[in-house]
Amino acid sequence: GKAPEIQFHLHSVHGFTENEKQFENFNLNEKTRDLVFSTAVNQSSFSM
């Protein structure tokens, strides 16, 4: 009679510079923004 504790979403969009608008919505501070968006993720990627 137990519900799960964890859910997963598979987000199939590549990278974080490519998906910058989504991360802007998270209210990142300046240090984090500079870190996350300063270097492009050249290798193909997705998110779990």
All heavy atoms as atom14 arrays in JSON, in Angstrom:
{
  "sequence": "GKAPEIQFHLHSVHGFTENEKQFENFNLNEKTRDLVFSTAVNQSSFSM",
  "atom14_mask": [
    [1, 1, 1, 1, 0, 0, 0, 0, 0, 0, 0, 0, 0, 0],
    [1, 1, 1, 1, 1, 1, 1, 1, 1, 0, 0, 0, 0, 0],
    [1, 1, 1, 1, 1, 0, 0, 0, 0, 0, 0, 0, 0, 0],
    [1, 1, 1, 1, 1, 1, 1, 0, 0, 0, 0, 0, 0, 0],
    [1, 1, 1, 1, 1, 1, 1, 1, 1, 0, 0, 0, 0, 0],
    [1, 1, 1, 1, 1, 1, 1, 1, 0, 0, 0, 0, 0, 0],
    [1, 1, 1, 1, 1, 1, 1, 1, 1, 0, 0, 0, 0, 0],
    [1, 1, 1, 1, 1, 1, 1, 1, 1, 1, 1, 0, 0, 0],
    [1, 1, 1, 1, 1, 1, 1, 1, 1, 1, 0, 0, 0, 0],
    [1, 1, 1, 1, 1, 1, 1, 1, 0, 0, 0, 0, 0, 0],
    [1, 1, 1, 1, 1, 1, 1, 1, 1, 1, 0, 0, 0, 0],
    [1, 1, 1, 1, 1, 1, 0, 0, 0, 0, 0, 0, 0, 0],
    [1, 1, 1, 1, 1, 1, 1, 0, 0, 0, 0, 0, 0, 0],
    [1, 1, 1, 1, 1, 1, 1, 1, 1, 1, 0, 0, 0, 0],
    [1, 1, 1, 1, 0, 0, 0, 0, 0, 0, 0, 0, 0, 0],
    [1, 1, 1, 1, 1, 1, 1, 1, 1, 1, 1, 0, 0, 0],
    [1, 1, 1, 1, 1, 1, 1, 0, 0, 0, 0, 0, 0, 0],
    [1, 1, 1, 1, 1, 1, 1, 1, 1, 0, 0, 0, 0, 0],
    [1, 1, 1, 1, 1, 1, 1, 1, 0, 0, 0, 0, 0, 0],
    [1, 1, 1, 1, 1, 1, 1, 1, 1, 0, 0, 0, 0, 0],
    [1, 1, 1, 1, 1, 1, 1, 1, 1, 0, 0, 0, 0, 0],
    [1, 1, 1, 1, 1, 1, 1, 1, 1, 0, 0, 0, 0, 0],
    [1, 1, 1, 1, 1, 1, 1, 1, 1, 1, 1, 0, 0, 0],
    [1, 1, 1, 1, 1, 1, 1, 1, 1, 0, 0, 0, 0, 0],
    [1, 1, 1, 1, 1, 1, 1, 1, 0, 0, 0, 0, 0, 0],
    [1, 1, 1, 1, 1, 1, 1, 1, 1, 1, 1, 0, 0, 0],
    [1, 1, 1, 1, 1, 1, 1, 1, 0, 0, 0, 0, 0, 0],
    [1, 1, 1, 1, 1, 1, 1, 1, 0, 0, 0, 0, 0, 0],
    [1, 1, 1, 1, 1, 1, 1, 1, 0, 0, 0, 0, 0, 0],
    [1, 1, 1, 1, 1, 1, 1, 1, 1, 0, 0, 0, 0, 0],
    [1, 1, 1, 1, 1, 1, 1, 1, 1, 0, 0, 0, 0, 0],
    [1, 1, 1, 1, 1, 1, 1, 0, 0, 0, 0, 0, 0, 0],
    [1, 1, 1, 1, 1, 1, 1, 1, 1, 1, 1, 0, 0, 0],
    [1, 1, 1, 1, 1, 1, 1, 1, 0, 0, 0, 0, 0, 0],
    [1, 1, 1, 1, 1, 1, 1, 1, 0, 0, 0, 0, 0, 0],
    [1, 1, 1, 1, 1, 1, 1, 0, 0, 0, 0, 0, 0, 0],
    [1, 1, 1, 1, 1, 1, 1, 1, 1, 1, 1, 0, 0, 0],
    [1, 1, 1, 1, 1, 1, 0, 0, 0, 0, 0, 0, 0, 0],
    [1, 1, 1, 1, 1, 1, 1, 0, 0, 0, 0, 0, 0, 0],
    [1, 1, 1, 1, 1, 0, 0, 0, 0, 0, 0, 0, 0, 0],
    [1, 1, 1, 1, 1, 1, 1, 0, 0, 0, 0, 0, 0, 0],
    [1, 1, 1, 1, 1, 1, 1, 1, 0, 0, 0, 0, 0, 0],
    [1, 1, 1, 1, 1, 1, 1, 1, 1, 0, 0, 0, 0, 0],
    [1, 1, 1, 1, 1, 1, 0, 0, 0, 0, 0, 0, 0, 0],
    [1, 1, 1, 1, 1, 1, 0, 0, 0, 0, 0, 0, 0, 0],
    [1, 1, 1, 1, 1, 1, 1, 1, 1, 1, 1, 0, 0, 0],
    [1, 1, 1, 1, 1, 1, 0, 0, 0, 0, 0, 0, 0, 0],
    [1, 1, 1, 1, 1, 1, 1, 1, 0, 0, 0, 0, 0, 0]
  ],
  "atom14_positions": [
    [[0.8, -1.22, 0.0], [0.0, 0.0, 0.0], [0.83, 1.27, 0.0], [0.43, 2.27, 0.57], [0.0, 0.0, 0.0], [0.0, 0.0, 0.0], [0.0, 0.0, 0.0], [0.0, 0.0, 0.0], [0.0, 0.0, 0.0], [0.0, 0.0, 0.0], [0.0, 0.0, 0.0], [0.0, 0.0, 0.0], [0.0, 0.0, 0.0], [0.0, 0.0, 0.0]],
    [[1.95, 1.24, -0.67], [2.92, 2.34, -0.59], [3.05, 3.06, -1.92], [3.24, 2.43, -2.96], [4.27, 1.78, -0.13], [5.36, 2.8, 0.06], [6.66, 2.11, 0.46], [7.8, 3.09, 0.57], [9.1, 2.41, 0.84], [0.0, 0.0, 0.0], [0.0, 0.0, 0.0], [0.0, 0.0, 0.0], [0.0, 0.0, 0.0], [0.0, 0.0, 0.0]],
    [[2.98, 4.38, -1.87], [3.19, 5.2, -3.07], [4.69, 5.36, -3.34], [5.51, 5.27, -2.42], [2.54, 6.56, -2.9], [0.0, 0.0, 0.0], [0.0, 0.0, 0.0], [0.0, 0.0, 0.0], [0.0, 0.0, 0.0], [0.0, 0.0, 0.0], [0.0, 0.0, 0.0], [0.0, 0.0, 0.0], [0.0, 0.0, 0.0], [0.0, 0.0, 0.0]],
    [[5.08, 5.63, -4.59], [6.5, 5.85, -4.89], [7.01, 7.14, -4.26], [6.25, 8.07, -4.02], [6.53, 5.94, -6.41], [5.16, 6.39, -6.79], [4.24, 5.77, -5.79], [0.0, 0.0, 0.0], [0.0, 0.0, 0.0], [0.0, 0.0, 0.0], [0.0, 0.0, 0.0], [0.0, 0.0, 0.0], [0.0, 0.0, 0.0], [0.0, 0.0, 0.0]],
    [[8.31, 7.16, -3.98], [8.92, 8.37, -3.43], [9.57, 9.24, -4.49], [9.82, 10.42, -4.27], [9.99, 8.01, -2.39], [9.48, 7.34, -1.14], [9.53, 5.82, -1.21], [9.98, 5.29, -2.24], [9.11, 5.17, -0.23], [0.0, 0.0, 0.0], [0.0, 0.0, 0.0], [0.0, 0.0, 0.0], [0.0, 0.0, 0.0], [0.0, 0.0, 0.0]],
    [[9.86, 8.64, -5.66], [10.66, 9.33, -6.68], [9.96, 9.24, -8.04], [9.42, 8.19, -8.42], [12.07, 8.73, -6.8], [12.85, 8.94, -5.49], [12.84, 9.32, -7.97], [14.1, 8.12, -5.39], [0.0, 0.0, 0.0], [0.0, 0.0, 0.0], [0.0, 0.0, 0.0], [0.0, 0.0, 0.0], [0.0, 0.0, 0.0], [0.0, 0.0, 0.0]],
    [[9.95, 10.35, -8.74], [9.5, 10.39, -10.13], [10.67, 10.85, -10.99], [11.53, 11.61, -10.52], [8.33, 11.38, -10.27], [7.75, 11.51, -11.67], [6.63, 12.55, -11.74], [6.37, 13.25, -10.77], [5.97, 12.67, -12.88], [0.0, 0.0, 0.0], [0.0, 0.0, 0.0], [0.0, 0.0, 0.0], [0.0, 0.0, 0.0], [0.0, 0.0, 0.0]],
    [[10.74, 10.36, -12.21], [11.74, 10.85, -13.16], [11.03, 11.5, -14.35], [10.0, 11.01, -14.81], [12.61, 9.7, -13.7], [13.7, 9.25, -12.8], [13.61, 8.05, -12.12], [14.83, 10.03, -12.62], [14.62, 7.62, -11.29], [15.85, 9.61, -11.79], [15.75, 8.4, -11.12], [0.0, 0.0, 0.0], [0.0, 0.0, 0.0], [0.0, 0.0, 0.0]],
    [[11.61, 12.59, -14.84], [11.26, 13.13, -16.15], [12.49, 13.01, -17.04], [13.61, 13.27, -16.59], [10.87, 14.6, -16.06], [9.5, 14.84, -15.53], [9.01, 16.1, -15.3], [8.5, 14.0, -15.18], [7.77, 16.03, -14.84], [7.45, 14.76, -14.75], [0.0, 0.0, 0.0], [0.0, 0.0, 0.0], [0.0, 0.0, 0.0], [0.0, 0.0, 0.0]],
    [[12.27, 12.62, -18.28], [13.32, 12.64, -19.29], [13.12, 13.88, -20.14], [12.1, 14.01, -20.83], [13.25, 11.4, -20.16], [14.13, 11.39, -21.42], [15.61, 11.38, -21.04], [13.79, 10.22, -22.32], [0.0, 0.0, 0.0], [0.0, 0.0, 0.0], [0.0, 0.0, 0.0], [0.0, 0.0, 0.0], [0.0, 0.0, 0.0], [0.0, 0.0, 0.0]],
    [[14.08, 14.81, -20.08], [14.01, 16.06, -20.85], [14.99, 15.94, -22.0], [16.21, 15.89, -21.79], [14.36, 17.24, -19.95], [14.02, 18.57, -20.54], [14.91, 19.61, -20.63], [12.86, 19.04, -21.1], [14.33, 20.66, -21.2], [13.1, 20.33, -21.48], [0.0, 0.0, 0.0], [0.0, 0.0, 0.0], [0.0, 0.0, 0.0], [0.0, 0.0, 0.0]],
    [[14.47, 15.88, -23.22], [15.27, 15.5, -24.37], [15.91, 16.67, -25.11], [16.4, 16.52, -26.22], [14.41, 14.7, -25.36], [13.92, 13.54, -24.75], [0.0, 0.0, 0.0], [0.0, 0.0, 0.0], [0.0, 0.0, 0.0], [0.0, 0.0, 0.0], [0.0, 0.0, 0.0], [0.0, 0.0, 0.0], [0.0, 0.0, 0.0], [0.0, 0.0, 0.0]],
    [[15.9, 17.86, -24.5], [16.48, 19.04, -25.15], [17.96, 19.14, -24.79], [18.34, 19.05, -23.63], [15.73, 20.31, -24.73], [16.37, 21.54, -25.34], [14.26, 20.21, -25.13], [0.0, 0.0, 0.0], [0.0, 0.0, 0.0], [0.0, 0.0, 0.0], [0.0, 0.0, 0.0], [0.0, 0.0, 0.0], [0.0, 0.0, 0.0], [0.0, 0.0, 0.0]],
    [[18.79, 19.37, -25.78], [20.23, 19.42, -25.6], [20.68, 20.67, -24.85], [20.2, 21.78, -25.09], [20.94, 19.41, -26.96], [22.37, 19.87, -26.92], [23.35, 19.17, -26.28], [22.97, 20.97, -27.44], [24.5, 19.82, -26.41], [24.3, 20.92, -27.11], [0.0, 0.0, 0.0], [0.0, 0.0, 0.0], [0.0, 0.0, 0.0], [0.0, 0.0, 0.0]],
    [[21.61, 20.46, -23.94], [22.44, 21.53, -23.4], [21.73, 22.54, -22.54], [20.54, 22.48, -22.3], [0.0, 0.0, 0.0], [0.0, 0.0, 0.0], [0.0, 0.0, 0.0], [0.0, 0.0, 0.0], [0.0, 0.0, 0.0], [0.0, 0.0, 0.0], [0.0, 0.0, 0.0], [0.0, 0.0, 0.0], [0.0, 0.0, 0.0], [0.0, 0.0, 0.0]],
    [[22.49, 23.53, -22.09], [21.98, 24.54, -21.18], [22.14, 25.92, -21.78], [21.3, 26.79, -21.55], [22.65, 24.4, -19.82], [22.35, 23.05, -19.26], [23.2, 21.98, -19.46], [21.13, 22.82, -18.65], [22.86, 20.72, -19.01], [20.79, 21.56, -18.2], [21.66, 20.51, -18.38], [0.0, 0.0, 0.0], [0.0, 0.0, 0.0], [0.0, 0.0, 0.0]],
    [[23.16, 26.15, -22.58], [23.18, 27.39, -23.34], [22.08, 27.34, -24.4], [21.49, 28.35, -24.75], [24.55, 27.6, -24.02], [24.9, 26.42, -24.75], [25.61, 27.86, -22.98], [0.0, 0.0, 0.0], [0.0, 0.0, 0.0], [0.0, 0.0, 0.0], [0.0, 0.0, 0.0], [0.0, 0.0, 0.0], [0.0, 0.0, 0.0], [0.0, 0.0, 0.0]],
    [[21.78, 26.14, -24.91], [20.7, 25.99, -25.9], [19.33, 26.17, -25.25], [18.37, 26.51, -25.91], [20.78, 24.59, -26.53], [22.09, 24.3, -27.22], [21.95, 24.14, -28.71], [20.81, 24.05, -29.18], [22.97, 24.11, -29.41], [0.0, 0.0, 0.0], [0.0, 0.0, 0.0], [0.0, 0.0, 0.0], [0.0, 0.0, 0.0], [0.0, 0.0, 0.0]],
    [[19.25, 25.91, -23.95], [17.97, 25.95, -23.26], [18.0, 27.07, -22.21], [17.48, 26.93, -21.12], [17.74, 24.6, -22.58], [16.29, 24.38, -22.2], [15.4, 24.99, -22.77], [16.07, 23.53, -21.24], [0.0, 0.0, 0.0], [0.0, 0.0, 0.0], [0.0, 0.0, 0.0], [0.0, 0.0, 0.0], [0.0, 0.0, 0.0], [0.0, 0.0, 0.0]],
    [[18.62, 28.19, -22.59], [18.9, 29.26, -21.62], [17.63, 29.85, -21.04], [17.6, 30.18, -19.85], [19.73, 30.35, -22.3], [20.17, 31.44, -21.35], [21.21, 32.36, -21.98], [21.79, 31.99, -23.01], [21.44, 33.43, -21.42], [0.0, 0.0, 0.0], [0.0, 0.0, 0.0], [0.0, 0.0, 0.0], [0.0, 0.0, 0.0], [0.0, 0.0, 0.0]],
    [[16.59, 29.98, -21.83], [15.37, 30.6, -21.31], [14.82, 29.83, -20.11], [14.4, 30.42, -19.11], [14.31, 30.68, -22.41], [12.94, 31.16, -21.93], [12.98, 32.53, -21.29], [11.61, 32.96, -20.8], [11.64, 34.21, -20.03], [0.0, 0.0, 0.0], [0.0, 0.0, 0.0], [0.0, 0.0, 0.0], [0.0, 0.0, 0.0], [0.0, 0.0, 0.0]],
    [[14.85, 28.48, -20.19], [14.34, 27.69, -19.07], [15.14, 27.99, -17.81], [14.58, 28.14, -16.72], [14.44, 26.2, -19.41], [13.92, 25.28, -18.31], [12.43, 25.44, -18.07], [11.62, 25.19, -18.95], [12.06, 25.86, -16.88], [0.0, 0.0, 0.0], [0.0, 0.0, 0.0], [0.0, 0.0, 0.0], [0.0, 0.0, 0.0], [0.0, 0.0, 0.0]],
    [[16.44, 28.11, -17.94], [17.25, 28.34, -16.74], [17.16, 29.78, -16.26], [17.33, 30.05, -15.07], [18.71, 27.9, -17.01], [18.89, 26.44, -16.78], [18.49, 25.52, -17.73], [19.4, 25.96, -15.59], [18.61, 24.16, -17.52], [19.52, 24.61, -15.36], [19.13, 23.71, -16.32], [0.0, 0.0, 0.0], [0.0, 0.0, 0.0], [0.0, 0.0, 0.0]],
    [[16.9, 30.72, -17.14], [16.62, 32.09, -16.7], [15.41, 32.12, -15.78], [15.34, 32.89, -14.84], [16.38, 33.0, -17.91], [17.65, 33.38, -18.66], [17.34, 34.29, -19.83], [16.14, 34.51, -20.12], [18.28, 34.77, -20.47], [0.0, 0.0, 0.0], [0.0, 0.0, 0.0], [0.0, 0.0, 0.0], [0.0, 0.0, 0.0], [0.0, 0.0, 0.0]],
    [[14.46, 31.25, -16.05], [13.24, 31.2, -15.24], [13.5, 30.74, -13.82], [12.65, 30.89, -12.95], [12.2, 30.29, -15.9], [11.67, 30.85, -17.2], [11.73, 32.05, -17.44], [11.17, 29.98, -18.06], [0.0, 0.0, 0.0], [0.0, 0.0, 0.0], [0.0, 0.0, 0.0], [0.0, 0.0, 0.0], [0.0, 0.0, 0.0], [0.0, 0.0, 0.0]],
    [[14.66, 30.16, -13.57], [14.97, 29.64, -12.24], [15.6, 30.67, -11.32], [16.0, 30.36, -10.2], [15.89, 28.42, -12.34], [15.24, 27.23, -13.0], [16.0, 26.34, -13.74], [13.88, 27.02, -12.91], [15.42, 25.24, -14.34], [13.28, 25.93, -13.52], [14.05, 25.03, -14.23], [0.0, 0.0, 0.0], [0.0, 0.0, 0.0], [0.0, 0.0, 0.0]],
    [[15.75, 31.92, -11.77], [16.24, 32.99, -10.91], [17.69, 32.77, -10.47], [18.07, 33.07, -9.33], [15.34, 33.13, -9.67], [15.52, 34.45, -8.95], [15.66, 35.49, -9.58], [15.52, 34.42, -7.63], [0.0, 0.0, 0.0], [0.0, 0.0, 0.0], [0.0, 0.0, 0.0], [0.0, 0.0, 0.0], [0.0, 0.0, 0.0], [0.0, 0.0, 0.0]],
    [[18.52, 32.27, -11.36], [19.92, 32.01, -11.03], [20.64, 33.3, -10.67], [20.42, 34.35, -11.29], [20.64, 31.35, -12.2], [20.11, 29.99, -12.67], [20.95, 29.49, -13.83], [20.09, 28.98, -11.54], [0.0, 0.0, 0.0], [0.0, 0.0, 0.0], [0.0, 0.0, 0.0], [0.0, 0.0, 0.0], [0.0, 0.0, 0.0], [0.0, 0.0, 0.0]],
    [[21.5, 33.22, -9.68], [22.31, 34.39, -9.34], [23.41, 34.59, -10.38], [23.65, 33.74, -11.25], [22.87, 34.3, -7.92], [23.78, 33.1, -7.72], [24.52, 32.7, -8.62], [23.73, 32.51, -6.52], [0.0, 0.0, 0.0], [0.0, 0.0, 0.0], [0.0, 0.0, 0.0], [0.0, 0.0, 0.0], [0.0, 0.0, 0.0], [0.0, 0.0, 0.0]],
    [[24.07, 35.74, -10.31], [25.03, 36.11, -11.36], [26.19, 35.12, -11.46], [26.59, 34.74, -12.56], [25.57, 37.52, -11.08], [26.46, 38.06, -12.2], [26.86, 39.51, -11.97], [26.28, 40.15, -11.06], [27.75, 39.99, -12.68], [0.0, 0.0, 0.0], [0.0, 0.0, 0.0], [0.0, 0.0, 0.0], [0.0, 0.0, 0.0], [0.0, 0.0, 0.0]],
    [[26.69, 34.69, -10.33], [27.8, 33.74, -10.34], [27.4, 32.45, -11.05], [28.16, 31.92, -11.88], [28.23, 33.44, -8.9], [29.3, 32.36, -8.8], [29.61, 32.04, -7.34], [30.6, 30.89, -7.23], [30.86, 30.52, -5.81], [0.0, 0.0, 0.0], [0.0, 0.0, 0.0], [0.0, 0.0, 0.0], [0.0, 0.0, 0.0], [0.0, 0.0, 0.0]],
    [[26.22, 31.96, -10.73], [25.77, 30.7, -11.34], [25.5, 30.88, -12.82], [25.86, 30.02, -13.64], [24.5, 30.2, -10.63], [24.75, 30.11, -9.22], [24.09, 28.84, -11.16], [0.0, 0.0, 0.0], [0.0, 0.0, 0.0], [0.0, 0.0, 0.0], [0.0, 0.0, 0.0], [0.0, 0.0, 0.0], [0.0, 0.0, 0.0], [0.0, 0.0, 0.0]],
    [[24.88, 31.99, -13.2], [24.63, 32.25, -14.61], [25.93, 32.28, -15.4], [26.03, 31.68, -16.47], [23.9, 33.59, -14.79], [22.4, 33.53, -14.52], [21.78, 34.9, -14.82], [22.13, 35.34, -16.17], [21.51, 34.94, -17.26], [20.51, 34.09, -17.18], [21.88, 35.39, -18.44], [0.0, 0.0, 0.0], [0.0, 0.0, 0.0], [0.0, 0.0, 0.0]],
    [[26.92, 32.98, -14.87], [28.2, 33.06, -15.57], [28.81, 31.67, -15.75], [29.38, 31.35, -16.8], [29.16, 33.96, -14.8], [28.78, 35.43, -14.87], [27.92, 35.78, -15.72], [29.32, 36.22, -14.06], [0.0, 0.0, 0.0], [0.0, 0.0, 0.0], [0.0, 0.0, 0.0], [0.0, 0.0, 0.0], [0.0, 0.0, 0.0], [0.0, 0.0, 0.0]],
    [[28.66, 30.86, -14.72], [29.23, 29.52, -14.78], [28.48, 28.64, -15.76], [29.07, 27.98, -16.62], [29.2, 28.89, -13.37], [29.77, 27.48, -13.25], [31.24, 27.47, -13.61], [29.56, 26.95, -11.84], [0.0, 0.0, 0.0], [0.0, 0.0, 0.0], [0.0, 0.0, 0.0], [0.0, 0.0, 0.0], [0.0, 0.0, 0.0], [0.0, 0.0, 0.0]],
    [[27.16, 28.65, -15.66], [26.35, 27.75, -16.47], [26.39, 28.13, -17.95], [26.44, 27.27, -18.83], [24.89, 27.73, -15.96], [23.98, 26.95, -16.91], [24.84, 27.12, -14.57], [0.0, 0.0, 0.0], [0.0, 0.0, 0.0], [0.0, 0.0, 0.0], [0.0, 0.0, 0.0], [0.0, 0.0, 0.0], [0.0, 0.0, 0.0], [0.0, 0.0, 0.0]],
    [[26.37, 29.42, -18.25], [26.23, 29.85, -19.63], [27.53, 30.33, -20.27], [27.54, 30.74, -21.42], [25.19, 30.97, -19.72], [23.83, 30.55, -19.25], [23.15, 31.28, -18.29], [23.23, 29.41, -19.75], [21.9, 30.9, -17.85], [21.98, 29.0, -19.32], [21.32, 29.75, -18.36], [0.0, 0.0, 0.0], [0.0, 0.0, 0.0], [0.0, 0.0, 0.0]],
    [[28.64, 30.29, -19.52], [29.89, 30.8, -20.07], [30.51, 29.87, -21.1], [31.19, 30.3, -22.02], [30.9, 31.05, -18.94], [31.17, 29.83, -18.26], [0.0, 0.0, 0.0], [0.0, 0.0, 0.0], [0.0, 0.0, 0.0], [0.0, 0.0, 0.0], [0.0, 0.0, 0.0], [0.0, 0.0, 0.0], [0.0, 0.0, 0.0], [0.0, 0.0, 0.0]],
    [[30.24, 28.57, -20.94], [30.86, 27.59, -21.82], [29.79, 26.74, -22.47], [28.98, 26.13, -21.77], [31.82, 26.67, -21.03], [32.75, 27.48, -20.33], [32.55, 25.73, -21.97], [0.0, 0.0, 0.0], [0.0, 0.0, 0.0], [0.0, 0.0, 0.0], [0.0, 0.0, 0.0], [0.0, 0.0, 0.0], [0.0, 0.0, 0.0], [0.0, 0.0, 0.0]],
    [[29.78, 26.69, -23.78], [28.79, 25.87, -24.48], [29.08, 24.39, -24.25], [30.24, 23.96, -24.16], [28.82, 26.17, -25.97], [0.0, 0.0, 0.0], [0.0, 0.0, 0.0], [0.0, 0.0, 0.0], [0.0, 0.0, 0.0], [0.0, 0.0, 0.0], [0.0, 0.0, 0.0], [0.0, 0.0, 0.0], [0.0, 0.0, 0.0], [0.0, 0.0, 0.0]],
    [[28.02, 23.61, -24.14], [28.16, 22.16, -24.06], [28.16, 21.65, -25.5], [27.1, 21.49, -26.12], [27.01, 21.54, -23.24], [27.17, 20.02, -23.17], [26.96, 22.13, -21.85], [0.0, 0.0, 0.0], [0.0, 0.0, 0.0], [0.0, 0.0, 0.0], [0.0, 0.0, 0.0], [0.0, 0.0, 0.0], [0.0, 0.0, 0.0], [0.0, 0.0, 0.0]],
    [[29.36, 21.41, -26.03], [29.46, 21.06, -27.44], [28.99, 19.64, -27.7], [28.46, 19.34, -28.76], [30.9, 21.24, -27.92], [31.32, 22.71, -27.89], [30.53, 23.58, -28.27], [32.53, 22.98, -27.45], [0.0, 0.0, 0.0], [0.0, 0.0, 0.0], [0.0, 0.0, 0.0], [0.0, 0.0, 0.0], [0.0, 0.0, 0.0], [0.0, 0.0, 0.0]],
    [[29.21, 18.75, -26.75], [28.79, 17.38, -26.93], [27.28, 17.28, -26.73], [26.7, 17.98, -25.91], [29.5, 16.47, -25.93], [29.29, 14.99, -26.2], [30.19, 14.13, -25.32], [31.2, 14.61, -24.79], [29.83, 12.85, -25.16], [0.0, 0.0, 0.0], [0.0, 0.0, 0.0], [0.0, 0.0, 0.0], [0.0, 0.0, 0.0], [0.0, 0.0, 0.0]],
    [[26.65, 16.43, -27.51], [25.21, 16.24, -27.41], [24.82, 15.84, -25.99], [25.54, 15.11, -25.31], [24.79, 15.15, -28.4], [23.42, 14.88, -28.29], [0.0, 0.0, 0.0], [0.0, 0.0, 0.0], [0.0, 0.0, 0.0], [0.0, 0.0, 0.0], [0.0, 0.0, 0.0], [0.0, 0.0, 0.0], [0.0, 0.0, 0.0], [0.0, 0.0, 0.0]],
    [[23.66, 16.33, -25.52], [23.25, 16.05, -24.14], [21.74, 16.06, -23.99], [21.01, 16.58, -24.83], [23.87, 17.08, -23.2], [23.32, 18.35, -23.42], [0.0, 0.0, 0.0], [0.0, 0.0, 0.0], [0.0, 0.0, 0.0], [0.0, 0.0, 0.0], [0.0, 0.0, 0.0], [0.0, 0.0, 0.0], [0.0, 0.0, 0.0], [0.0, 0.0, 0.0]],
    [[21.29, 15.47, -22.89], [19.9, 15.55, -22.47], [19.91, 15.61, -20.94], [20.99, 15.66, -20.32], [19.08, 14.35, -22.98], [19.55, 13.01, -22.5], [19.02, 12.42, -21.36], [20.53, 12.3, -23.21], [19.43, 11.18, -20.92], [20.97, 11.05, -22.77], [20.42, 10.5, -21.62], [0.0, 0.0, 0.0], [0.0, 0.0, 0.0], [0.0, 0.0, 0.0]],
    [[18.74, 15.63, -20.32], [18.69, 15.73, -18.86], [17.79, 14.67, -18.27], [16.73, 14.35, -18.83], [18.17, 17.11, -18.42], [19.06, 18.12, -18.8], [0.0, 0.0, 0.0], [0.0, 0.0, 0.0], [0.0, 0.0, 0.0], [0.0, 0.0, 0.0], [0.0, 0.0, 0.0], [0.0, 0.0, 0.0], [0.0, 0.0, 0.0], [0.0, 0.0, 0.0]],
    [[18.21, 14.15, -17.13], [17.35, 13.33, -16.29], [16.95, 14.17, -15.08], [17.8, 14.86, -14.5], [18.08, 12.07, -15.85], [18.31, 11.06, -16.96], [16.77, 10.3, -17.54], [16.32, 9.34, -16.1], [0.0, 0.0, 0.0], [0.0, 0.0, 0.0], [0.0, 0.0, 0.0], [0.0, 0.0, 0.0], [0.0, 0.0, 0.0], [0.0, 0.0, 0.0]]
  ]
}
